[in-house]
N, C-alpha and C. Protein backbone atom coordinates (compact mmCIF):
# COMPACT_ATOMS: atom_id res chain seq x y z
N MET A 1 81.98 99.22 100.85
CA MET A 1 83.32 99.38 101.36
C MET A 1 83.41 100.70 102.12
N THR A 2 84.20 100.67 103.17
CA THR A 2 84.44 101.87 103.95
C THR A 2 85.79 101.74 104.67
N ILE A 3 86.20 102.82 105.27
CA ILE A 3 87.43 102.81 106.06
C ILE A 3 87.04 103.07 107.51
N GLY A 4 87.60 102.28 108.41
CA GLY A 4 87.33 102.46 109.82
C GLY A 4 88.60 102.76 110.57
N GLY A 5 88.43 103.27 111.77
CA GLY A 5 89.56 103.53 112.66
C GLY A 5 89.56 102.49 113.76
N ASP A 6 90.72 101.96 114.07
CA ASP A 6 90.81 100.89 115.06
C ASP A 6 91.88 101.22 116.09
N GLN A 7 91.47 101.27 117.34
CA GLN A 7 92.40 101.42 118.44
C GLN A 7 92.34 100.18 119.34
N GLY A 8 91.20 99.53 119.37
CA GLY A 8 91.06 98.36 120.22
C GLY A 8 89.97 97.42 119.74
N GLY A 9 89.78 97.35 118.45
CA GLY A 9 88.79 96.43 117.90
C GLY A 9 87.69 97.11 117.10
N SER A 10 87.78 98.40 116.88
CA SER A 10 86.70 99.16 116.25
C SER A 10 86.50 98.89 114.76
N ILE A 11 87.40 98.18 114.14
CA ILE A 11 87.18 97.74 112.75
C ILE A 11 86.70 96.30 112.77
N ARG A 12 87.41 95.47 113.48
CA ARG A 12 87.18 94.02 113.42
C ARG A 12 85.90 93.57 114.10
N VAL A 13 85.62 94.10 115.27
CA VAL A 13 84.45 93.65 116.03
C VAL A 13 83.13 94.01 115.33
N PRO A 14 82.90 95.28 114.98
CA PRO A 14 81.65 95.59 114.28
C PRO A 14 81.51 94.85 112.94
N SER A 15 82.61 94.65 112.26
CA SER A 15 82.56 93.90 111.00
C SER A 15 82.07 92.49 111.25
N SER A 16 82.63 91.84 112.25
CA SER A 16 82.24 90.45 112.52
C SER A 16 80.79 90.35 112.99
N TRP A 17 80.32 91.34 113.71
CA TRP A 17 78.93 91.33 114.16
C TRP A 17 77.95 91.49 113.00
N ASN A 18 78.41 92.08 111.91
CA ASN A 18 77.52 92.37 110.79
C ASN A 18 77.80 91.54 109.55
N GLY A 19 78.57 90.48 109.68
CA GLY A 19 78.82 89.59 108.56
C GLY A 19 79.72 90.18 107.49
N CYS A 20 80.56 91.13 107.89
CA CYS A 20 81.49 91.76 106.95
C CYS A 20 82.92 91.34 107.31
N VAL A 21 83.85 91.88 106.57
CA VAL A 21 85.27 91.64 106.83
C VAL A 21 85.90 92.97 107.21
N GLY A 22 86.68 92.97 108.28
CA GLY A 22 87.42 94.15 108.69
C GLY A 22 88.87 93.80 108.91
N LEU A 23 89.75 94.67 108.50
CA LEU A 23 91.18 94.40 108.60
C LEU A 23 91.88 95.54 109.31
N LYS A 24 92.60 95.22 110.37
CA LYS A 24 93.45 96.20 111.05
C LYS A 24 94.86 95.97 110.52
N PRO A 25 95.32 96.81 109.58
CA PRO A 25 96.64 96.59 108.98
C PRO A 25 97.78 96.95 109.93
N THR A 26 98.97 96.62 109.51
CA THR A 26 100.17 96.97 110.24
C THR A 26 100.18 98.47 110.51
N TRP A 27 100.60 98.86 111.71
CA TRP A 27 100.62 100.27 112.07
C TRP A 27 101.43 101.07 111.06
N GLY A 28 100.85 102.16 110.57
CA GLY A 28 101.54 103.05 109.66
C GLY A 28 101.39 102.69 108.19
N LEU A 29 100.84 101.52 107.88
CA LEU A 29 100.69 101.12 106.48
C LEU A 29 99.69 102.01 105.76
N VAL A 30 98.58 102.28 106.40
CA VAL A 30 97.56 103.18 105.83
C VAL A 30 97.75 104.54 106.48
N PRO A 31 97.97 105.58 105.69
CA PRO A 31 98.20 106.91 106.27
C PRO A 31 96.99 107.39 107.07
N TYR A 32 97.24 108.08 108.16
CA TYR A 32 96.19 108.59 109.04
C TYR A 32 95.80 110.02 108.69
N THR A 33 96.22 110.48 107.53
CA THR A 33 95.94 111.83 107.08
C THR A 33 94.44 112.06 106.97
N GLY A 34 93.95 113.10 107.60
CA GLY A 34 92.53 113.44 107.53
C GLY A 34 91.67 112.75 108.56
N ALA A 35 92.23 111.87 109.35
CA ALA A 35 91.47 111.19 110.39
C ALA A 35 91.79 111.81 111.75
N MET A 36 90.82 111.77 112.64
CA MET A 36 91.04 112.31 113.99
C MET A 36 91.74 111.25 114.84
N SER A 37 92.87 111.59 115.35
CA SER A 37 93.66 110.65 116.14
C SER A 37 93.22 110.68 117.60
N ILE A 38 93.07 109.49 118.17
CA ILE A 38 92.80 109.38 119.59
C ILE A 38 94.12 109.21 120.34
N GLU A 39 94.93 108.27 119.87
CA GLU A 39 96.26 108.02 120.44
C GLU A 39 97.17 107.56 119.31
N PRO A 40 98.06 108.43 118.83
CA PRO A 40 98.87 108.14 117.64
C PRO A 40 99.65 106.83 117.69
N THR A 41 100.00 106.35 118.86
CA THR A 41 100.80 105.13 118.92
C THR A 41 99.98 103.86 118.71
N ILE A 42 98.65 103.96 118.80
CA ILE A 42 97.82 102.76 118.60
C ILE A 42 96.76 102.93 117.52
N ASP A 43 96.67 104.10 116.91
CA ASP A 43 95.66 104.34 115.88
C ASP A 43 95.99 103.62 114.58
N HIS A 44 94.99 102.99 113.99
CA HIS A 44 95.11 102.33 112.69
C HIS A 44 93.89 102.68 111.86
N LEU A 45 94.07 102.86 110.57
CA LEU A 45 92.95 102.94 109.64
C LEU A 45 92.98 101.68 108.80
N GLY A 46 91.81 101.14 108.54
CA GLY A 46 91.77 99.92 107.74
C GLY A 46 90.43 99.75 107.04
N PRO A 47 90.41 98.86 106.06
CA PRO A 47 89.20 98.66 105.28
C PRO A 47 88.17 97.77 105.97
N MET A 48 86.92 98.05 105.65
CA MET A 48 85.79 97.22 106.04
C MET A 48 84.99 96.98 104.76
N ALA A 49 84.68 95.74 104.47
CA ALA A 49 83.99 95.43 103.21
C ALA A 49 83.20 94.13 103.34
N ARG A 50 82.50 93.81 102.29
CA ARG A 50 81.67 92.61 102.28
C ARG A 50 82.48 91.33 102.18
N THR A 51 83.60 91.37 101.43
CA THR A 51 84.41 90.16 101.22
C THR A 51 85.89 90.45 101.50
N VAL A 52 86.66 89.38 101.66
CA VAL A 52 88.10 89.51 101.83
C VAL A 52 88.72 90.15 100.59
N HIS A 53 88.23 89.75 99.42
CA HIS A 53 88.73 90.32 98.16
C HIS A 53 88.51 91.83 98.13
N ASP A 54 87.34 92.29 98.54
CA ASP A 54 87.07 93.73 98.57
C ASP A 54 87.97 94.45 99.57
N CYS A 55 88.24 93.81 100.72
CA CYS A 55 89.16 94.41 101.70
C CYS A 55 90.57 94.53 101.12
N ALA A 56 91.00 93.49 100.41
CA ALA A 56 92.32 93.53 99.78
C ALA A 56 92.41 94.63 98.74
N LEU A 57 91.36 94.79 97.95
CA LEU A 57 91.31 95.85 96.94
C LEU A 57 91.36 97.22 97.61
N MET A 58 90.59 97.40 98.65
CA MET A 58 90.57 98.67 99.37
C MET A 58 91.93 98.96 99.99
N LEU A 59 92.59 97.94 100.52
CA LEU A 59 93.91 98.13 101.10
C LEU A 59 94.93 98.56 100.04
N GLU A 60 94.82 98.00 98.84
CA GLU A 60 95.69 98.44 97.74
C GLU A 60 95.50 99.91 97.45
N VAL A 61 94.25 100.34 97.41
CA VAL A 61 93.95 101.75 97.12
C VAL A 61 94.48 102.65 98.24
N CYS A 62 94.28 102.24 99.48
CA CYS A 62 94.71 103.06 100.62
C CYS A 62 96.23 103.18 100.72
N THR A 63 96.96 102.22 100.19
CA THR A 63 98.42 102.25 100.30
C THR A 63 99.10 102.72 99.02
N THR A 64 98.35 103.16 98.04
CA THR A 64 98.92 103.55 96.75
C THR A 64 100.01 104.60 96.88
N GLN A 65 99.81 105.60 97.72
CA GLN A 65 100.82 106.67 97.82
C GLN A 65 102.12 106.16 98.42
N TYR A 66 102.09 105.03 99.09
CA TYR A 66 103.30 104.46 99.66
C TYR A 66 103.86 103.32 98.81
N ARG A 67 103.33 103.14 97.63
CA ARG A 67 103.71 102.01 96.77
C ARG A 67 105.22 101.96 96.52
N LYS A 68 105.84 103.10 96.24
CA LYS A 68 107.29 103.10 95.97
C LYS A 68 108.09 102.65 97.18
N ILE A 69 107.70 103.11 98.35
CA ILE A 69 108.39 102.70 99.57
C ILE A 69 108.19 101.21 99.80
N ILE A 70 106.96 100.76 99.64
CA ILE A 70 106.64 99.35 99.85
C ILE A 70 107.42 98.47 98.89
N GLU A 71 107.52 98.89 97.62
CA GLU A 71 108.25 98.10 96.64
C GLU A 71 109.74 98.05 96.97
N LYS A 72 110.28 99.14 97.50
CA LYS A 72 111.69 99.14 97.89
C LYS A 72 111.95 98.13 98.99
N ILE A 73 111.04 98.06 99.92
CA ILE A 73 111.19 97.13 101.03
C ILE A 73 110.89 95.70 100.55
N ASN A 74 110.16 95.59 99.46
CA ASN A 74 109.74 94.30 98.90
C ASN A 74 108.94 93.51 99.94
N TYR A 75 108.08 94.24 100.66
CA TYR A 75 107.34 93.66 101.77
C TYR A 75 105.91 93.31 101.38
N LEU A 76 105.28 94.19 100.65
CA LEU A 76 103.88 93.98 100.30
C LEU A 76 103.65 94.32 98.84
N SER A 77 102.75 93.62 98.21
CA SER A 77 102.34 93.98 96.87
C SER A 77 101.06 93.25 96.51
N GLU A 78 100.26 93.85 95.73
CA GLU A 78 99.01 93.30 95.22
C GLU A 78 98.38 92.26 96.13
N TYR A 79 97.65 92.75 97.10
CA TYR A 79 97.03 91.89 98.10
C TYR A 79 96.06 90.88 97.49
N ARG A 80 95.33 91.31 96.47
CA ARG A 80 94.38 90.39 95.82
C ARG A 80 95.12 89.22 95.20
N HIS A 81 96.27 89.46 94.57
CA HIS A 81 97.05 88.38 93.95
C HIS A 81 97.52 87.39 95.02
N ARG A 82 97.94 87.90 96.15
CA ARG A 82 98.40 87.02 97.22
C ARG A 82 97.29 86.15 97.76
N LEU A 83 96.06 86.64 97.74
CA LEU A 83 94.95 85.83 98.21
C LEU A 83 94.83 84.55 97.38
N THR A 84 94.94 84.68 96.07
CA THR A 84 94.78 83.51 95.21
C THR A 84 96.06 82.68 95.15
N SER A 85 97.23 83.30 95.17
CA SER A 85 98.46 82.53 95.02
C SER A 85 98.81 81.74 96.28
N GLU A 86 98.47 82.24 97.45
CA GLU A 86 98.82 81.54 98.67
C GLU A 86 97.81 80.46 99.03
N THR A 87 96.62 80.53 98.45
CA THR A 87 95.59 79.54 98.80
C THR A 87 95.48 78.44 97.78
N THR A 88 96.21 78.56 96.67
CA THR A 88 96.11 77.50 95.66
C THR A 88 97.31 76.59 95.70
């Protein structure tokens, strides 16, 4: 598992070329703290992992500090749970 920066495909394309999963999340969902910004209006950080489940787990970890805000909006929660509940 790793975190990549995506401005125009830099997470998704290399992941697909290497048989991995890469996710470019909604802008602002994953904090850009500590990353070098190229263009703040299009920069995204997102997980790259071997499986969709691992990407979902990594996304949960990356968004932990925003959990209270996310819960208030009632927009996102436990990505791994949604993988199984929406596909069954």
